[in-house]
Amino acid sequence: MIQGYPARASVAPGERLVLHVSTDAPRFRVAFHRWGEGFIRMQESGWLSGKYAAPRGAAEDWQWPAYAFTIPQDWPSAVYVAHLIEPEAAVLGAAMESAAILFVVRGAGQSRLLYKIPLATYHAYNCSGGGCFYVNPPRSLTPPGARVSLQRPGGGIGGQTWGALDYYDLNSPRQTFAHWDARFIRWLLREGFAPEFCTDSDLHEDSALCDRHRLLLSVGHDEYWSEAMRDRVEAFVAGGGNAAFFGANLCWWRIHVVDEGRAMVCHQGGPQGAHDHWWPPTGANRPEDSLTGVSYRHGGGWWDGPRSTAGFIVQDAEHWAFAGTGLRRGEAFGQDSAPPLVGYECDGAPLASFDSESGIAVLAPDAQDTGTPPGFRILAAGLLDGGWQERPPRERHAADAGIHSATMGMYSHGGTVFTAGTTDWAQVLGQDRRVDIITRNVIERLLC
């Protein structure tokens, strides 16, 4: 059995990548692969002396034996996986629970497109060490909440992940690189885009990171954000930069980065509520809608089994996002894909009505009071009916009350922000021509 983790999951060409590895084999080697049209082998080490170190708790720095490698200067910015190979090696796969370590090679700001890997969300669901934010959460007193370490196996690949398997994709657990990000990146490269990559830790630490690019992309399930991350993206947009969120349940929890970036803490419940919910006055009192345009509290989740939706209903067919799709106002799309485009978690805008006959949704007149940005434009919406497994409580409404929907939309405040309103957008790319066209329209326009 061999496992490992990076001392830091992001490096630049020419820098040292330090991998911490434990194995019960006398020797092992490391094969480095770049993610593109599948895994592309880049380099392989010679045999290294193997050492065994015991697992530790989910909140601890595991302090396993360290092995250093220098990243070649000519490696392009991308997501990479270090495959840990014992004499009896497992075949490399994107959903491995051992023998693999994910890291990012950063770019120099030459691309206008920056893709953010949601490392914090990967680790929030990473169960290595027997716990995560969702099961056996280790407690922290200062700051208060649950604490998990980034210095342990997992974090996108190479560890065990908490949560129900996807009914539509039993081979790639949610909250891993394989499930959403790998698919979207492969599509981007096939379409001729050349993004540079970062982790959300980079965004937390580097105040100028976004400013070296035109468009920030976040995909799938980017749930956990520090205040520094959010401040920097909001400042980027206010200064004329663009952001596209092809996901949902975005910026739902605030995290506190501790121990010089080696761990994170999140307070998710207690007698006075969850201090690290972004939207409520008992939490951060800073609704996530003001960043993304939408929120999970106006949407909902369907985690287990097949889900039933009528798809996204087009609200604004004349908008440039729909150019070339042939879609008309009131027409549905994404209802027949596998998985359906709407779900498994959805973000929405507060709605005053959603007409069952025409499929037309109307934004609530007081939407700005709960964080919806001025000028937010609903492009498409998918009603979440009473069959959904969660429709959260929110301002003025208890759980399940009021209108809940997935909302695809856009607003401008200096720059422009697009939101898809569903986690599973990446899963449907390549299945529905209209979803592909909308994706290309948004990225090409916001790169200008």
Protein backbone atom coordinates (compact mmCIF):
# COMPACT_ATOMS: atom_id res chain seq x y z
CA MET A 1 0.00 0.00 0.00
CA ILE A 2 1.38 3.40 -0.99
CA GLN A 3 -0.09 6.87 -0.42
CA GLY A 4 1.15 10.42 -0.39
CA TYR A 5 0.39 14.12 -0.41
CA PRO A 6 2.15 17.32 -1.53
CA ALA A 7 3.70 19.74 0.91
CA ARG A 8 2.12 22.37 -1.31
CA ALA A 9 -0.30 21.50 -4.12
CA SER A 10 0.84 24.33 -6.37
CA VAL A 11 4.28 25.02 -7.84
CA ALA A 12 5.80 27.08 -10.64
CA PRO A 13 8.21 25.74 -13.26
CA GLY A 14 11.69 25.57 -11.79
CA GLU A 15 10.43 25.24 -8.21
CA ARG A 16 10.76 22.20 -5.96
CA LEU A 17 7.77 19.94 -5.52
CA VAL A 18 7.92 18.10 -2.20
CA LEU A 19 5.91 14.90 -1.93
CA HIS A 20 5.35 13.12 1.37
CA VAL A 21 5.05 9.36 0.80
CA SER A 22 4.48 6.29 2.95
CA THR A 23 4.83 2.75 1.58
CA ASP A 24 5.35 -0.71 2.99
CA ALA A 25 7.37 -1.61 -0.11
CA PRO A 26 11.19 -1.35 0.00
CA ARG A 27 11.24 0.91 -3.04
CA PHE A 28 8.98 2.97 -5.29
CA ARG A 29 9.19 5.43 -8.17
CA VAL A 30 7.12 8.41 -9.25
CA ALA A 31 5.65 8.91 -12.73
CA PHE A 32 4.43 12.45 -13.42
CA HIS A 33 1.41 12.93 -15.67
CA ARG A 34 -0.30 16.03 -17.03
CA TRP A 35 -4.06 16.00 -17.46
CA GLY A 36 -5.26 16.74 -20.99
CA GLU A 37 -6.94 14.22 -23.27
CA GLY A 38 -6.49 11.78 -20.42
CA PHE A 39 -3.14 11.45 -18.66
CA ILE A 40 -0.01 12.45 -20.56
CA ARG A 41 3.23 11.03 -19.14
CA MET A 42 5.82 13.75 -18.60
CA GLN A 43 8.65 12.24 -16.57
CA GLU A 44 9.51 9.31 -14.31
CA SER A 45 11.92 9.08 -11.42
CA GLY A 46 14.30 6.26 -10.69
CA TRP A 47 13.70 3.87 -7.84
CA LEU A 48 13.49 5.58 -4.44
CA SER A 49 13.93 4.04 -1.01
CA GLY A 50 10.52 3.35 0.50
CA LYS A 51 9.68 4.18 4.10
CA TYR A 52 6.57 3.43 6.07
CA ALA A 53 4.86 6.04 8.26
CA ALA A 54 1.60 5.53 10.13
CA PRO A 55 -1.56 7.47 9.31
CA ARG A 56 -2.58 10.26 11.66
CA GLY A 57 -5.80 12.07 12.44
CA ALA A 58 -7.77 14.17 9.96
CA ALA A 59 -6.76 17.44 11.67
CA GLU A 60 -3.04 16.70 11.86
CA ASP A 61 0.01 17.29 9.70
CA TRP A 62 0.94 13.70 8.87
CA GLN A 63 4.67 14.49 8.59
CA TRP A 64 5.46 11.58 6.30
CA PRO A 65 8.90 11.12 4.69
CA ALA A 66 9.66 13.85 2.16
CA TYR A 67 10.95 13.46 -1.41
CA ALA A 68 11.83 16.54 -3.49
CA PHE A 69 11.62 16.95 -7.26
CA THR A 70 12.38 19.98 -9.42
CA ILE A 71 9.65 20.93 -11.88
CA PRO A 72 11.17 21.38 -15.37
CA GLN A 73 11.06 24.90 -16.76
CA ASP A 74 9.22 23.78 -19.90
CA TRP A 75 6.26 22.14 -18.18
CA PRO A 76 3.08 24.01 -19.14
CA SER A 77 0.56 25.19 -16.59
CA ALA A 78 -1.84 22.31 -15.99
CA VAL A 79 -3.21 19.89 -13.43
CA TYR A 80 -0.73 17.08 -12.79
CA VAL A 81 -0.86 13.76 -10.99
CA ALA A 82 2.14 12.04 -9.45
CA HIS A 83 1.57 8.29 -9.78
CA LEU A 84 3.29 6.43 -6.94
CA ILE A 85 4.52 3.12 -8.33
CA GLU A 86 5.53 0.17 -6.19
CA PRO A 87 7.02 -2.96 -7.80
CA GLU A 88 3.43 -4.26 -8.13
CA ALA A 89 1.86 -1.08 -9.53
CA ALA A 90 -1.79 -0.20 -9.91
CA VAL A 91 -2.79 1.29 -13.26
CA LEU A 92 -3.20 5.06 -13.08
CA GLY A 93 -6.80 6.26 -13.06
CA ALA A 94 -8.43 9.63 -12.44
CA ALA A 95 -10.46 8.31 -9.48
CA MET A 96 -7.73 6.44 -7.57
CA GLU A 97 -8.04 6.28 -3.76
CA SER A 98 -4.32 5.63 -3.25
CA ALA A 99 -0.99 5.83 -5.09
CA ALA A 100 -1.74 9.25 -6.63
CA ILE A 101 -1.10 12.89 -5.70
CA LEU A 102 -2.69 15.89 -7.40
CA PHE A 103 -0.86 19.17 -7.88
CA VAL A 104 -0.97 22.21 -10.15
CA VAL A 105 1.81 23.85 -12.12
CA ARG A 106 1.04 27.55 -12.21
CA GLY A 107 1.45 29.78 -15.25
CA ALA A 108 3.20 33.11 -15.70
CA GLY A 109 0.08 35.08 -16.62
CA GLN A 110 0.43 34.57 -20.37
CA SER A 111 -3.10 33.20 -20.80
CA ARG A 112 -6.18 35.37 -20.47
CA LEU A 113 -8.01 32.39 -18.96
CA LEU A 114 -7.42 31.22 -15.36
CA TYR A 115 -8.97 27.98 -14.09
CA LYS A 116 -9.28 27.59 -10.30
CA ILE A 117 -9.03 24.10 -8.79
CA PRO A 118 -11.25 23.90 -5.63
CA LEU A 119 -8.67 22.35 -3.30
CA ALA A 120 -10.49 23.49 -0.15
CA THR A 121 -13.69 21.72 -1.20
CA TYR A 122 -11.78 18.55 -2.06
CA HIS A 123 -10.31 18.51 1.46
CA ALA A 124 -13.61 19.36 3.16
CA TYR A 125 -14.88 15.96 1.96
CA ASN A 126 -11.55 14.11 2.26
CA CYS A 127 -11.89 11.37 4.91
CA SER A 128 -8.21 10.40 5.21
CA GLY A 129 -7.49 10.08 8.91
CA GLY A 130 -11.05 9.07 9.76
CA GLY A 131 -12.84 12.39 9.50
CA CYS A 132 -13.77 15.46 7.47
CA PHE A 133 -16.22 18.33 7.81
CA TYR A 134 -19.10 15.85 7.33
CA VAL A 135 -18.17 12.83 9.44
CA ASN A 136 -16.27 12.75 12.74
CA PRO A 137 -15.27 16.42 12.33
CA PRO A 138 -12.20 17.22 14.47
CA ARG A 139 -12.89 20.22 16.71
CA SER A 140 -11.03 23.50 16.76
CA LEU A 141 -11.27 26.05 19.58
CA THR A 142 -9.38 28.92 17.93
CA PRO A 143 -10.96 29.73 15.59
CA PRO A 144 -14.06 27.75 16.58
CA GLY A 145 -15.36 25.06 14.28
CA ALA A 146 -14.14 21.88 12.64
CA ARG A 147 -10.54 21.57 11.48
CA VAL A 148 -9.08 19.46 8.68
CA SER A 149 -5.50 19.20 7.50
CA LEU A 150 -4.29 19.72 3.95
CA GLN A 151 -1.18 17.70 4.86
CA ARG A 152 -2.67 14.23 4.34
CA PRO A 153 -3.52 11.96 1.40
CA GLY A 154 -6.50 13.01 -0.69
CA GLY A 155 -7.41 16.43 -1.95
CA GLY A 156 -8.85 15.58 -5.36
CA ILE A 157 -7.29 12.14 -5.78
CA GLY A 158 -5.50 9.49 -3.73
CA GLY A 159 -7.77 9.40 -0.67
CA GLN A 160 -11.20 8.37 0.50
CA THR A 161 -14.07 10.80 -0.03
CA TRP A 162 -17.25 11.21 2.01
CA GLY A 163 -20.65 11.27 0.31
CA ALA A 164 -23.11 9.24 -1.70
CA LEU A 165 -21.98 7.99 -5.08
CA ASP A 166 -23.54 9.62 -8.11
CA TYR A 167 -26.38 7.45 -9.44
CA TYR A 168 -25.34 8.50 -12.97
CA ASP A 169 -21.59 7.96 -12.51
CA LEU A 170 -20.56 5.27 -10.05
CA ASN A 171 -16.93 5.37 -11.19
CA SER A 172 -15.94 8.86 -10.06
CA PRO A 173 -16.85 10.05 -6.55
CA ARG A 174 -18.21 13.54 -6.22
CA GLN A 175 -15.83 16.05 -4.62
CA THR A 176 -12.88 14.66 -6.58
CA PHE A 177 -10.97 15.97 -9.58
CA ALA A 178 -12.31 13.18 -11.78
CA HIS A 179 -15.98 14.02 -11.34
CA TRP A 180 -16.33 17.59 -12.66
CA ASP A 181 -13.01 19.35 -13.19
CA ALA A 182 -11.29 16.66 -15.28
CA ARG A 183 -14.24 16.58 -17.67
CA PHE A 184 -14.43 20.35 -18.06
CA ILE A 185 -10.68 20.74 -18.56
CA ARG A 186 -10.65 18.03 -21.22
CA TRP A 187 -13.51 19.83 -23.01
CA LEU A 188 -11.66 23.17 -22.81
CA LEU A 189 -8.55 21.72 -24.38
CA ARG A 190 -10.51 19.94 -27.11
CA GLU A 191 -12.16 23.26 -27.95
CA GLY A 192 -8.80 24.98 -28.34
CA PHE A 193 -8.71 27.01 -25.12
CA ALA A 194 -5.37 27.26 -23.32
CA PRO A 195 -6.02 28.08 -19.66
CA GLU A 196 -3.52 28.54 -16.89
CA PHE A 197 -4.28 26.91 -13.56
CA CYS A 198 -4.21 27.73 -9.88
CA THR A 199 -5.57 26.31 -6.64
CA ASP A 200 -7.78 28.29 -4.32
CA SER A 201 -4.81 28.39 -1.94
CA ASP A 202 -2.99 30.46 -4.60
CA LEU A 203 -5.96 32.80 -4.77
CA HIS A 204 -5.97 33.09 -0.98
CA GLU A 205 -2.29 34.03 -0.89
CA ASP A 206 -1.73 36.10 -4.04
CA SER A 207 -3.68 39.37 -4.18
CA ALA A 208 -2.59 40.04 -7.79
CA LEU A 209 -3.29 36.57 -9.22
CA CYS A 210 -6.57 37.33 -10.98
CA ASP A 211 -5.28 40.63 -12.34
CA ARG A 212 -2.87 38.79 -14.64
CA HIS A 213 -5.87 37.30 -16.48
CA ARG A 214 -9.14 38.35 -18.12
CA LEU A 215 -11.47 35.54 -17.05
CA LEU A 216 -11.61 33.36 -13.94
CA LEU A 217 -13.29 29.95 -14.30
CA SER A 218 -14.74 27.91 -11.43
CA VAL A 219 -16.44 24.61 -12.20
CA GLY A 220 -18.51 21.92 -10.48
CA HIS A 221 -18.53 22.22 -6.70
CA ASP A 222 -16.50 25.16 -5.35
CA GLU A 223 -18.17 25.33 -1.95
CA TYR A 224 -15.48 26.54 0.48
CA TRP A 225 -13.99 30.05 0.25
CA SER A 226 -11.83 32.13 2.57
CA GLU A 227 -12.53 35.83 2.99
CA ALA A 228 -9.30 36.63 1.13
CA MET A 229 -10.38 34.49 -1.83
CA ARG A 230 -13.74 36.20 -2.00
CA ASP A 231 -12.30 39.70 -1.51
CA ARG A 232 -9.89 39.18 -4.39
CA VAL A 233 -12.45 37.85 -6.85
CA GLU A 234 -14.91 40.63 -6.02
CA ALA A 235 -12.17 43.24 -6.43
CA PHE A 236 -11.15 41.64 -9.73
CA VAL A 237 -14.71 41.89 -11.05
CA ALA A 238 -15.20 45.42 -9.74
CA GLY A 239 -12.00 46.39 -11.57
CA GLY A 240 -13.28 45.06 -14.91
CA GLY A 241 -12.31 41.39 -14.73
CA ASN A 242 -14.77 38.63 -15.62
CA ALA A 243 -15.78 35.42 -13.83
CA ALA A 244 -17.73 32.38 -15.01
CA PHE A 245 -19.12 29.91 -12.49
CA PHE A 246 -20.06 26.65 -14.23
CA GLY A 247 -21.14 25.08 -10.95
CA ALA A 248 -23.32 25.50 -7.89
CA ASN A 249 -23.35 25.44 -4.09
CA LEU A 250 -20.68 28.07 -4.68
CA CYS A 251 -19.14 30.04 -1.83
CA TRP A 252 -21.58 28.40 0.60
CA TRP A 253 -19.13 28.12 3.51
CA ARG A 254 -16.40 30.47 4.75
CA ILE A 255 -13.11 28.86 5.77
CA HIS A 256 -10.28 30.10 7.95
CA VAL A 257 -6.86 29.12 6.66
CA VAL A 258 -4.58 28.27 9.60
CA ASP A 259 -1.10 26.90 10.31
CA GLU A 260 0.47 28.84 7.43
CA GLY A 261 -1.84 27.20 4.90
CA ARG A 262 -1.52 23.64 6.17
CA ALA A 263 -5.06 23.35 7.59
CA MET A 264 -8.46 25.00 7.48
CA VAL A 265 -11.33 25.55 9.92
CA CYS A 266 -15.06 26.02 9.32
CA HIS A 267 -17.84 26.55 11.89
CA GLN A 268 -20.92 24.81 10.51
CA GLY A 269 -23.33 24.75 13.43
CA GLY A 270 -23.96 25.46 17.10
CA PRO A 271 -26.48 27.02 19.52
CA GLN A 272 -26.10 30.42 17.83
CA GLY A 273 -26.10 29.02 14.30
CA ALA A 274 -23.30 28.42 11.82
CA HIS A 275 -20.78 31.24 12.17
CA ASP A 276 -19.27 30.42 8.78
CA HIS A 277 -22.37 30.41 6.61
CA TRP A 278 -21.83 33.31 4.25
CA TRP A 279 -25.37 34.66 3.98
CA PRO A 280 -27.09 34.87 7.41
CA PRO A 281 -26.63 37.61 10.02
CA THR A 282 -25.63 34.86 12.47
CA GLY A 283 -22.82 33.93 10.10
CA ALA A 284 -20.64 36.12 7.89
CA ASN A 285 -23.64 38.34 7.00
CA ARG A 286 -22.29 38.62 3.48
CA PRO A 287 -24.66 36.84 1.05
CA GLU A 288 -22.82 34.84 -1.59
CA ASP A 289 -25.31 36.15 -4.16
CA SER A 290 -23.39 39.43 -4.30
CA LEU A 291 -20.46 37.50 -5.79
CA THR A 292 -22.10 34.80 -7.90
CA GLY A 293 -25.57 36.31 -8.47
CA VAL A 294 -27.25 33.24 -6.97
CA SER A 295 -27.26 31.05 -3.85
CA TYR A 296 -27.90 27.46 -2.86
CA ARG A 297 -30.50 28.65 -0.35
CA HIS A 298 -32.74 29.66 -3.30
CA GLY A 299 -32.00 26.32 -5.01
CA GLY A 300 -31.55 22.86 -3.54
CA GLY A 301 -30.07 19.40 -3.71
CA TRP A 302 -30.93 15.90 -4.90
CA TRP A 303 -28.13 13.57 -3.86
CA ASP A 304 -29.35 9.98 -4.10
CA GLY A 305 -30.99 8.05 -6.93
CA PRO A 306 -32.39 9.24 -10.27
CA ARG A 307 -33.73 12.79 -10.24
CA SER A 308 -36.65 14.27 -12.12
CA THR A 309 -36.49 17.75 -13.64
CA ALA A 310 -38.05 19.60 -16.54
CA GLY A 311 -34.63 21.03 -17.42
CA PHE A 312 -33.67 24.65 -17.79
CA ILE A 313 -36.41 26.82 -19.31
CA VAL A 314 -35.07 29.61 -21.50
CA GLN A 315 -36.07 33.06 -20.22
CA ASP A 316 -34.02 35.39 -22.42
CA ALA A 317 -33.54 33.72 -25.81
CA GLU A 318 -32.22 36.89 -27.45
CA HIS A 319 -29.21 37.03 -25.15
CA TRP A 320 -25.84 36.36 -26.79
CA ALA A 321 -25.27 33.35 -24.51
CA PHE A 322 -27.89 31.47 -26.59
CA ALA A 323 -26.58 32.50 -30.01
CA GLY A 324 -26.44 29.48 -32.32
CA THR A 325 -28.44 27.20 -30.03
CA GLY A 326 -31.80 27.65 -31.77
CA LEU A 327 -33.47 27.83 -28.35
CA ARG A 328 -36.62 29.92 -27.96
CA ARG A 329 -38.16 31.58 -24.93
CA GLY A 330 -40.03 29.03 -22.82
CA GLU A 331 -38.18 26.08 -24.40
CA ALA A 332 -36.44 23.51 -22.21
CA PHE A 333 -32.95 22.07 -22.55
CA GLY A 334 -30.86 19.67 -20.51
CA GLN A 335 -33.78 17.55 -19.29
CA ASP A 336 -32.89 14.39 -21.20
CA SER A 337 -29.15 14.10 -20.55
CA ALA A 338 -27.65 11.64 -18.08
CA PRO A 339 -27.32 13.15 -15.57
CA PRO A 340 -30.00 15.78 -16.07
CA LEU A 341 -28.41 19.22 -16.36
CA VAL A 342 -30.27 20.55 -13.31
CA GLY A 343 -28.65 19.10 -10.13
CA TYR A 344 -27.21 17.46 -8.09
CA GLU A 345 -26.99 20.76 -6.24
CA CYS A 346 -28.39 23.98 -7.68
CA ASP A 347 -28.06 27.68 -6.98
CA GLY A 348 -30.94 30.03 -7.63
CA ALA A 349 -32.12 33.62 -7.49
CA PRO A 350 -35.14 34.63 -5.35
CA LEU A 351 -38.22 34.45 -7.56
CA ALA A 352 -41.63 36.10 -7.23
CA SER A 353 -43.26 33.60 -9.61
CA PHE A 354 -42.57 30.71 -11.99
CA ASP A 355 -45.49 30.20 -14.36
CA SER A 356 -46.20 26.50 -14.95
CA GLU A 357 -47.84 27.13 -18.34
CA SER A 358 -45.29 29.42 -20.00
CA GLY A 359 -42.24 28.45 -17.91
CA ILE A 360 -41.45 32.13 -17.36
CA ALA A 361 -39.83 33.15 -14.07
CA VAL A 362 -39.97 36.60 -12.49
CA LEU A 363 -37.28 37.88 -10.16
CA ALA A 364 -38.57 38.89 -6.72
CA PRO A 365 -38.91 42.71 -6.41
CA ASP A 366 -36.95 42.66 -3.14
CA ALA A 367 -34.18 40.42 -4.53
CA GLN A 368 -31.52 43.08 -3.97
CA ASP A 369 -32.37 43.11 -0.24
CA THR A 370 -31.02 39.57 0.07
CA GLY A 371 -27.90 40.04 -2.01
CA THR A 372 -28.91 39.74 -5.68
CA PRO A 373 -26.74 42.20 -7.62
CA PRO A 374 -28.44 45.15 -9.37
CA GLY A 375 -29.09 44.31 -13.01
CA PHE A 376 -28.98 40.52 -12.51
CA ARG A 377 -30.44 38.97 -15.66
CA ILE A 378 -32.14 35.55 -15.58
CA LEU A 379 -31.16 33.63 -18.71
CA ALA A 380 -32.76 30.27 -17.84
CA ALA A 381 -34.37 28.68 -14.81
CA GLY A 382 -35.27 25.18 -13.72
CA LEU A 383 -37.99 24.74 -11.09
CA LEU A 384 -37.16 22.47 -8.14
CA ASP A 385 -40.42 20.87 -7.08
CA GLY A 386 -41.33 19.13 -3.82
CA GLY A 387 -39.54 15.95 -4.87
CA TRP A 388 -36.14 17.52 -4.27
CA GLN A 389 -34.34 16.13 -1.26
CA GLU A 390 -33.39 19.56 0.09
CA ARG A 391 -34.81 23.01 -0.49
CA PRO A 392 -33.08 25.05 2.22
CA PRO A 393 -34.44 27.67 4.60
CA ARG A 394 -33.65 31.30 3.82
CA GLU A 395 -34.77 34.84 4.55
CA ARG A 396 -38.55 34.98 5.02
CA HIS A 397 -38.96 31.27 4.22
CA ALA A 398 -38.66 28.00 6.12
CA ALA A 399 -37.22 24.92 4.44
CA ASP A 400 -39.21 23.86 1.33
CA ALA A 401 -41.23 27.10 1.35
CA GLY A 402 -41.35 29.57 -1.49
CA ILE A 403 -40.05 29.03 -5.02
CA HIS A 404 -36.75 27.18 -5.40
CA SER A 405 -35.01 26.96 -8.75
CA ALA A 406 -31.74 26.49 -10.53
CA THR A 407 -30.98 29.86 -12.09
CA MET A 408 -28.61 30.49 -14.96
CA GLY A 409 -27.86 34.18 -15.16
CA MET A 410 -25.48 37.07 -15.53
CA TYR A 411 -24.76 40.54 -14.17
CA SER A 412 -22.16 43.26 -14.69
CA HIS A 413 -20.42 45.34 -12.04
CA GLY A 414 -17.25 46.65 -13.59
CA GLY A 415 -16.70 43.25 -15.17
CA THR A 416 -19.25 40.53 -15.91
CA VAL A 417 -20.17 37.44 -13.89
CA PHE A 418 -21.90 34.40 -15.42
CA THR A 419 -23.41 31.64 -13.32
CA ALA A 420 -24.70 28.28 -14.57
CA GLY A 421 -26.64 27.48 -11.39
CA THR A 422 -25.93 23.72 -11.40
CA THR A 423 -23.05 21.51 -10.32
CA ASP A 424 -23.50 19.05 -13.18
CA TRP A 425 -22.86 21.37 -16.10
CA ALA A 426 -19.48 19.68 -16.67
CA GLN A 427 -21.14 16.25 -16.72
CA VAL A 428 -23.38 17.26 -19.62
CA LEU A 429 -20.69 18.85 -21.80
CA GLY A 430 -20.33 16.74 -24.93
CA GLN A 431 -23.84 15.26 -24.51
CA ASP A 432 -25.98 18.28 -25.42
CA ARG A 433 -24.88 20.48 -28.31
CA ARG A 434 -26.70 23.46 -26.83
CA VAL A 435 -24.82 23.20 -23.54
CA ASP A 436 -21.54 23.10 -25.48
CA ILE A 437 -22.53 26.18 -27.50
CA ILE A 438 -23.56 28.18 -24.43
CA THR A 439 -20.28 27.28 -22.73
CA ARG A 440 -18.23 28.40 -25.70
CA ASN A 441 -20.29 31.58 -26.11
CA VAL A 442 -19.74 32.56 -22.48
CA ILE A 443 -16.02 31.84 -22.41
CA GLU A 444 -15.25 33.49 -25.74
CA ARG A 445 -17.26 36.64 -24.93
CA LEU A 446 -15.81 37.02 -21.41
CA LEU A 447 -12.25 36.53 -22.66
CA CYS A 448 -12.60 39.65 -24.84
